[in-house]
Amino acid sequence: MKRICITTLLLTSLSFSLFAQFLMKSDSHILQVGDEHYFNLTNNVDAGKSGAAIVWDFSKLETKSQLTSYMYDVAKTANGLDIPEANTVLEEFGVKFFFRSNGNIMEQYGTVTANTISKYDKPFVKMVFPFDYGDIYSGDFSGTIEGPNFKQPIEGTYSLEADAYGTLIIPTGIYTNVLRIKTYKEEHSKGSSCNCGTISYKWYSKDIRYPLLTIIQTQNSNGTATIRTAYYSKYKLNEVVDKENLNLENISASIYPNPFTESFKIDYYIQKDSPVEIVIFDNSGRKVSSIQRNSQAAGYYTETFTKEQLDTQQGLFHIRITAGDETISKTVIRGGE
């Protein structure tokens, strides 16, 4: 047993920690279709130390915005036929990551953005199970990246390492017995001389399937820089009253924050290709904003509405989301500044 002082702020609730480590297994930590995971995006910070029995104090992270990660069946995305090897899709920020989860290994077979699609004939391994502190796994990958007017080969190397364990402190709580996974990926395209890589640090606990904290860095000849920091928010992002009205057979939706001040988001998922219309009315029944898609492919989407789109007024707004023959209705509130 090793005694470590946390901080003066935390002494009243946690004076000493008993450090341990857990074994990551596929049944508790592999991607699972149908899951959602909720993050707060924050100011960027350094990843901290590696090693045994570390205390990472990220209690001062400041939330800037929020993010939902979606996990769904590859058959429910328009690009499923492009990457037939995959069986699970993870979507964040509108980017789709295609994985094949098979027993004790999770491999990435492709990535789809708004303008490009990367497909790997030799995939890179995202995770192997079981994985314990000190374990290292590495390899190489190859494939192609293509866009509207180009297609070129890509290749690279990757490594996974459980480089640390200990206690993680984030704004939503103190988590002991946490394992940190460090991933390094270096990708090259034809004709590129850039010696560039991406480093990600993810902290996992025994009882939560997805990361408690994620820090992503880029690395090149100029050094290393953190580009994204996000921690587990521990709650569903839209805490709404009429939850039962936000999930129908073809469409489900989340609206947050509610109440809002500057802007709110609508995250929605349609099970099949459908025309989609989003209409917002003020409390007098006047239409103040709308979006219409005559044909939208099945999948997850996000729309953001700002106070300027709502004539900057405060009060109640009524939202109507229609996909095919189904309609979801919801009221949101814009409060004071």
Protein backbone atom coordinates (compact mmCIF):
# COMPACT_ATOMS: atom_id res chain seq x y z
CA MET A 1 0.00 0.00 0.00
CA LYS A 2 1.27 3.44 -0.95
CA ARG A 3 -0.01 6.65 0.68
CA ILE A 4 -0.21 9.74 -1.53
CA CYS A 5 -1.58 13.16 -0.64
CA ILE A 6 -4.07 14.33 -3.32
CA THR A 7 -4.66 18.11 -2.82
CA THR A 8 -5.74 20.36 0.05
CA LEU A 9 -9.18 20.63 -1.58
CA LEU A 10 -9.67 16.87 -1.56
CA LEU A 11 -8.24 16.04 1.87
CA THR A 12 -11.66 16.15 3.50
CA SER A 13 -13.01 13.45 1.19
CA LEU A 14 -9.94 11.44 0.20
CA SER A 15 -6.77 11.58 2.26
CA PHE A 16 -5.04 8.46 1.00
CA SER A 17 -5.46 6.14 -1.98
CA LEU A 18 -4.91 2.43 -2.23
CA PHE A 19 -3.54 1.87 -5.71
CA ALA A 20 -4.38 -1.14 -7.79
CA GLN A 21 -4.81 -2.01 -11.41
CA PHE A 22 -7.44 -3.86 -13.36
CA LEU A 23 -7.32 -6.04 -16.44
CA MET A 24 -9.21 -4.62 -19.44
CA LYS A 25 -11.38 -7.34 -20.98
CA SER A 26 -13.49 -7.42 -24.13
CA ASP A 27 -16.77 -8.19 -22.37
CA SER A 28 -16.54 -4.96 -20.36
CA HIS A 29 -14.67 -2.56 -22.69
CA ILE A 30 -15.21 -3.41 -26.36
CA LEU A 31 -17.49 -1.14 -28.44
CA GLN A 32 -21.14 -2.07 -28.05
CA VAL A 33 -23.80 -1.31 -30.66
CA GLY A 34 -26.55 0.96 -29.36
CA ASP A 35 -24.44 2.73 -26.74
CA GLU A 36 -24.00 6.47 -26.34
CA HIS A 37 -21.23 8.08 -24.31
CA TYR A 38 -21.28 11.68 -23.11
CA PHE A 39 -18.31 14.03 -22.89
CA ASN A 40 -17.57 17.58 -21.82
CA LEU A 41 -15.02 19.23 -24.12
CA THR A 42 -12.60 21.43 -22.18
CA ASN A 43 -9.49 23.55 -22.25
CA ASN A 44 -6.48 21.55 -23.45
CA VAL A 45 -4.01 20.22 -20.91
CA ASP A 46 -0.89 18.06 -20.80
CA ALA A 47 -1.41 14.31 -20.37
CA GLY A 48 0.70 14.07 -17.21
CA LYS A 49 3.02 11.35 -15.99
CA SER A 50 3.22 7.70 -16.93
CA GLY A 51 4.06 4.89 -14.54
CA ALA A 52 2.60 3.07 -11.55
CA ALA A 53 0.38 4.55 -8.83
CA ILE A 54 0.03 7.97 -10.45
CA VAL A 55 -2.42 10.66 -9.30
CA TRP A 56 -3.72 12.79 -12.19
CA ASP A 57 -5.52 15.86 -10.89
CA PHE A 58 -7.67 17.32 -13.68
CA SER A 59 -10.28 18.73 -11.30
CA LYS A 60 -9.87 22.25 -12.75
CA LEU A 61 -10.89 21.39 -16.32
CA GLU A 62 -13.27 24.01 -17.70
CA THR A 63 -16.15 22.85 -19.90
CA LYS A 64 -16.37 24.61 -23.28
CA SER A 65 -18.98 22.44 -25.05
CA GLN A 66 -20.43 18.94 -25.07
CA LEU A 67 -20.14 15.86 -27.24
CA THR A 68 -22.03 12.61 -27.67
CA SER A 69 -20.27 9.52 -29.04
CA TYR A 70 -22.61 7.13 -30.85
CA MET A 71 -22.03 3.43 -31.43
CA TYR A 72 -24.26 1.72 -34.00
CA ASP A 73 -24.49 -1.15 -36.47
CA VAL A 74 -22.60 -0.60 -39.71
CA ALA A 75 -25.77 -1.52 -41.63
CA LYS A 76 -27.34 1.73 -40.42
CA THR A 77 -24.93 4.00 -42.25
CA ALA A 78 -24.88 4.92 -45.91
CA ASN A 79 -21.18 3.95 -46.14
CA GLY A 80 -21.65 0.43 -44.85
CA LEU A 81 -21.22 -1.11 -48.29
CA ASP A 82 -17.95 0.80 -48.82
CA ILE A 83 -16.34 -0.87 -45.80
CA PRO A 84 -17.96 -4.33 -45.62
CA GLU A 85 -15.38 -5.77 -43.19
CA ALA A 86 -16.66 -3.55 -40.36
CA ASN A 87 -19.53 -4.40 -38.02
CA THR A 88 -19.57 -1.36 -35.69
CA VAL A 89 -19.44 2.38 -36.30
CA LEU A 90 -18.37 5.03 -33.79
CA GLU A 91 -19.43 8.55 -34.73
CA GLU A 92 -18.12 11.80 -33.25
CA PHE A 93 -18.21 15.32 -34.69
CA GLY A 94 -19.86 13.90 -37.81
CA VAL A 95 -16.86 11.63 -38.49
CA LYS A 96 -17.55 7.89 -38.75
CA PHE A 97 -14.95 5.35 -37.62
CA PHE A 98 -15.53 1.81 -38.91
CA PHE A 99 -14.45 -1.07 -36.67
CA ARG A 100 -14.62 -4.83 -36.65
CA SER A 101 -14.99 -6.07 -33.11
CA ASN A 102 -14.26 -9.76 -33.13
CA GLY A 103 -13.64 -11.65 -29.92
CA ASN A 104 -10.57 -10.16 -28.23
CA ILE A 105 -9.50 -7.71 -30.93
CA MET A 106 -10.92 -4.46 -32.29
CA GLU A 107 -9.58 -3.34 -35.69
CA GLN A 108 -10.27 -0.13 -37.60
CA TYR A 109 -11.10 -0.68 -41.27
CA GLY A 110 -11.98 2.83 -42.33
CA THR A 111 -12.84 6.47 -41.61
CA VAL A 112 -15.45 8.60 -43.36
CA THR A 113 -15.52 12.40 -43.16
CA ALA A 114 -17.60 14.92 -45.09
CA ASN A 115 -15.05 14.98 -47.93
CA THR A 116 -12.92 11.82 -47.72
CA ILE A 117 -13.08 8.10 -47.13
CA SER A 118 -10.13 6.05 -45.88
CA LYS A 119 -10.23 2.28 -46.33
CA TYR A 120 -7.64 -0.10 -44.91
CA ASP A 121 -6.86 -3.40 -46.64
CA LYS A 122 -4.50 -4.02 -43.72
CA PRO A 123 -6.32 -2.51 -40.73
CA PHE A 124 -4.71 -1.08 -37.65
CA VAL A 125 -5.54 -2.53 -34.28
CA LYS A 126 -7.43 -0.18 -31.99
CA MET A 127 -7.44 -2.50 -28.96
CA VAL A 128 -6.59 -6.05 -27.96
CA PHE A 129 -7.93 -7.86 -24.92
CA PRO A 130 -7.04 -8.66 -22.24
CA PHE A 131 -4.76 -5.66 -21.68
CA ASP A 132 -2.84 -4.90 -18.50
CA TYR A 133 -0.39 -2.32 -17.20
CA GLY A 134 2.90 -2.69 -19.07
CA ASP A 135 1.37 -4.44 -22.10
CA ILE A 136 2.46 -3.17 -25.55
CA TYR A 137 1.08 -4.05 -28.97
CA SER A 138 2.31 -2.64 -32.28
CA GLY A 139 2.05 -3.15 -36.03
CA ASP A 140 1.58 -1.49 -39.40
CA PHE A 141 -1.38 -0.71 -41.65
CA SER A 142 -2.08 0.21 -45.27
CA GLY A 143 -4.95 1.30 -47.47
CA THR A 144 -6.23 4.19 -49.57
CA ILE A 145 -7.70 7.62 -49.02
CA GLU A 146 -9.98 9.13 -51.62
CA GLY A 147 -11.89 12.34 -52.11
CA PRO A 148 -13.86 14.07 -54.87
CA ASN A 149 -10.87 14.33 -57.24
CA PHE A 150 -8.17 12.07 -55.88
CA LYS A 151 -7.29 8.60 -54.64
CA GLN A 152 -3.92 7.68 -53.20
CA PRO A 153 -2.32 4.96 -51.07
CA ILE A 154 -1.61 5.44 -47.37
CA GLU A 155 0.41 3.41 -44.92
CA GLY A 156 1.75 3.75 -41.43
CA THR A 157 2.54 2.25 -38.06
CA TYR A 158 0.78 2.14 -34.71
CA SER A 159 1.38 1.12 -31.13
CA LEU A 160 -0.78 0.56 -28.04
CA GLU A 161 0.64 0.71 -24.55
CA ALA A 162 -0.90 0.55 -21.08
CA ASP A 163 1.62 3.07 -19.81
CA ALA A 164 0.16 4.01 -16.41
CA TYR A 165 -2.37 3.30 -13.68
CA GLY A 166 -3.55 5.10 -10.58
CA THR A 167 -6.19 7.63 -9.50
CA LEU A 168 -7.91 10.06 -11.86
CA ILE A 169 -9.58 13.24 -10.60
CA ILE A 170 -11.95 14.99 -13.01
CA PRO A 171 -14.78 17.47 -12.30
CA THR A 172 -17.38 14.68 -12.13
CA GLY A 173 -15.54 12.59 -9.55
CA ILE A 174 -12.52 10.74 -8.21
CA TYR A 175 -11.82 7.39 -9.85
CA THR A 176 -9.36 4.93 -8.33
CA ASN A 177 -7.96 1.83 -10.01
CA VAL A 178 -7.76 3.56 -13.43
CA LEU A 179 -5.72 2.23 -16.37
CA ARG A 180 -4.30 4.62 -19.01
CA ILE A 181 -3.90 3.49 -22.62
CA LYS A 182 -1.50 5.42 -24.84
CA THR A 183 -1.95 5.03 -28.61
CA TYR A 184 0.45 6.32 -31.25
CA LYS A 185 -0.43 6.35 -34.94
CA GLU A 186 1.85 7.58 -37.72
CA GLU A 187 0.35 7.78 -41.19
CA HIS A 188 2.02 8.53 -44.52
CA SER A 189 0.50 9.28 -47.90
CA LYS A 190 2.32 9.02 -51.20
CA GLY A 191 4.70 11.92 -51.81
CA SER A 192 4.48 13.21 -48.24
CA SER A 193 7.69 13.88 -46.33
CA CYS A 194 5.92 14.74 -43.08
CA ASN A 195 7.03 12.71 -40.09
CA CYS A 196 3.72 13.30 -38.33
CA GLY A 197 1.80 11.32 -35.75
CA THR A 198 -1.22 11.36 -33.47
CA ILE A 199 -0.99 10.42 -29.80
CA SER A 200 -4.07 9.68 -27.74
CA TYR A 201 -4.27 9.05 -24.00
CA LYS A 202 -7.42 7.41 -22.65
CA TRP A 203 -8.16 6.64 -19.01
CA TYR A 204 -10.42 3.65 -18.26
CA SER A 205 -12.07 2.34 -15.12
CA LYS A 206 -13.28 -1.17 -14.39
CA ASP A 207 -16.97 -0.29 -14.31
CA ILE A 208 -17.35 2.16 -17.23
CA ARG A 209 -17.00 0.80 -20.77
CA TYR A 210 -15.76 3.98 -22.44
CA PRO A 211 -13.01 6.47 -21.50
CA LEU A 212 -13.25 8.68 -18.44
CA LEU A 213 -10.82 11.15 -19.99
CA THR A 214 -9.35 11.53 -23.48
CA ILE A 215 -6.40 13.74 -24.44
CA ILE A 216 -5.33 13.84 -28.09
CA GLN A 217 -2.04 15.29 -29.29
CA THR A 218 -0.34 15.86 -32.63
CA GLN A 219 3.39 15.36 -33.11
CA ASN A 220 5.64 16.68 -35.87
CA SER A 221 9.06 18.25 -36.35
CA ASN A 222 7.91 21.30 -34.39
CA GLY A 223 7.06 19.28 -31.31
CA THR A 224 3.93 17.95 -29.59
CA ALA A 225 0.70 19.86 -29.03
CA THR A 226 -2.60 18.91 -27.36
CA ILE A 227 -5.54 19.45 -29.70
CA ARG A 228 -8.46 17.96 -27.75
CA THR A 229 -9.36 17.24 -24.14
CA ALA A 230 -12.68 15.70 -23.08
CA TYR A 231 -13.93 14.03 -19.90
CA TYR A 232 -16.85 11.74 -19.13
CA SER A 233 -19.82 13.91 -18.23
CA LYS A 234 -21.55 11.16 -16.24
CA TYR A 235 -25.04 12.16 -17.39
CA LYS A 236 -27.13 12.28 -20.54
CA LEU A 237 -26.62 15.61 -22.26
CA ASN A 238 -30.26 16.52 -22.76
CA GLU A 239 -32.21 16.37 -19.54
CA VAL A 240 -35.70 16.87 -20.97
CA VAL A 241 -39.19 16.42 -19.60
CA ASP A 242 -40.85 14.65 -22.51
CA LYS A 243 -38.24 11.93 -23.02
CA GLU A 244 -40.81 9.40 -24.16
CA ASN A 245 -41.73 11.68 -27.08
CA LEU A 246 -38.14 11.80 -28.37
CA ASN A 247 -37.87 8.18 -29.50
CA LEU A 248 -40.06 6.79 -32.27
CA GLU A 249 -39.67 3.86 -34.66
CA ASN A 250 -37.70 5.73 -37.34
CA ILE A 251 -36.38 8.78 -35.52
CA SER A 252 -34.88 9.61 -32.13
CA ALA A 253 -33.61 13.00 -31.03
CA SER A 254 -31.77 14.81 -28.25
CA ILE A 255 -32.06 18.56 -27.68
CA TYR A 256 -29.58 20.33 -25.38
CA PRO A 257 -28.93 22.40 -23.41
CA ASN A 258 -32.46 23.15 -22.24
CA PRO A 259 -32.82 25.89 -21.07
CA PHE A 260 -30.22 27.62 -23.28
CA THR A 261 -28.79 31.12 -23.63
CA GLU A 262 -26.67 31.45 -26.80
CA SER A 263 -27.48 28.30 -28.78
CA PHE A 264 -28.82 24.76 -28.59
CA LYS A 265 -28.21 21.57 -30.55
CA ILE A 266 -30.46 18.90 -31.97
CA ASP A 267 -28.82 15.48 -32.29
CA TYR A 268 -31.05 13.10 -34.21
CA TYR A 269 -30.84 9.63 -35.68
CA ILE A 270 -32.99 8.24 -38.50
CA GLN A 271 -33.23 4.49 -39.01
CA LYS A 272 -33.89 4.68 -42.77
CA ASP A 273 -33.46 7.17 -45.61
CA SER A 274 -36.15 9.83 -45.22
CA PRO A 275 -37.03 13.43 -46.00
CA VAL A 276 -36.33 15.46 -42.85
CA GLU A 277 -37.76 18.81 -41.77
CA ILE A 278 -36.99 20.76 -38.60
CA VAL A 279 -39.23 23.75 -37.87
CA ILE A 280 -39.03 26.13 -34.89
CA PHE A 281 -41.95 28.34 -33.81
CA ASP A 282 -42.01 31.04 -31.16
CA ASN A 283 -44.69 30.98 -28.47
CA SER A 284 -47.09 32.96 -30.66
CA GLY A 285 -46.96 30.28 -33.36
CA ARG A 286 -44.76 32.27 -35.76
CA LYS A 287 -42.17 30.23 -37.64
CA VAL A 288 -38.72 31.65 -36.81
CA SER A 289 -36.37 29.07 -38.35
CA SER A 290 -36.45 25.88 -40.38
CA ILE A 291 -34.27 23.29 -42.11
CA GLN A 292 -35.52 21.00 -44.87
CA ARG A 293 -33.76 17.98 -46.35
CA ASN A 294 -35.66 16.39 -49.25
CA SER A 295 -33.71 13.14 -48.92
CA GLN A 296 -31.42 12.31 -46.00
CA ALA A 297 -29.50 9.05 -45.61
CA ALA A 298 -29.96 6.96 -42.48
CA GLY A 299 -27.56 7.92 -39.70
CA TYR A 300 -26.76 10.44 -36.98
CA TYR A 301 -26.87 14.20 -37.55
CA THR A 302 -26.43 17.39 -35.53
CA GLU A 303 -27.95 20.81 -36.15
CA THR A 304 -27.14 23.95 -34.16
CA PHE A 305 -29.52 26.89 -33.73
CA THR A 306 -28.29 30.23 -32.37
CA LYS A 307 -30.19 33.03 -30.71
CA GLU A 308 -29.73 35.12 -33.89
CA GLN A 309 -31.72 32.51 -35.85
CA LEU A 310 -34.51 32.94 -33.30
CA ASP A 311 -34.58 36.75 -33.60
CA THR A 312 -32.58 36.87 -30.32
CA GLN A 313 -35.80 36.86 -28.27
CA GLN A 314 -36.22 35.01 -25.00
CA GLY A 315 -39.01 32.68 -23.94
CA LEU A 316 -40.48 29.43 -25.22
CA PHE A 317 -39.76 27.87 -28.62
CA HIS A 318 -41.58 24.87 -30.06
CA ILE A 319 -39.58 22.44 -32.19
CA ARG A 320 -41.11 20.04 -34.70
CA ILE A 321 -38.86 17.36 -36.22
CA THR A 322 -40.37 15.27 -39.02
CA ALA A 323 -38.72 12.27 -40.68
CA GLY A 324 -40.93 10.56 -43.26
CA ASP A 325 -44.29 9.95 -41.59
CA GLU A 326 -43.07 10.46 -38.00
CA THR A 327 -42.94 13.70 -36.03
CA ILE A 328 -41.29 14.59 -32.72
CA SER A 329 -42.33 17.77 -30.90
CA LYS A 330 -40.44 19.47 -28.11
CA THR A 331 -40.36 22.81 -26.30
CA VAL A 332 -37.12 24.56 -25.33
CA ILE A 333 -36.59 27.67 -23.24
CA ARG A 334 -34.23 30.55 -23.90
CA GLY A 335 -33.36 32.24 -20.62
CA GLY A 336 -31.52 35.41 -19.73
CA GLU A 337 -27.90 36.16 -20.59
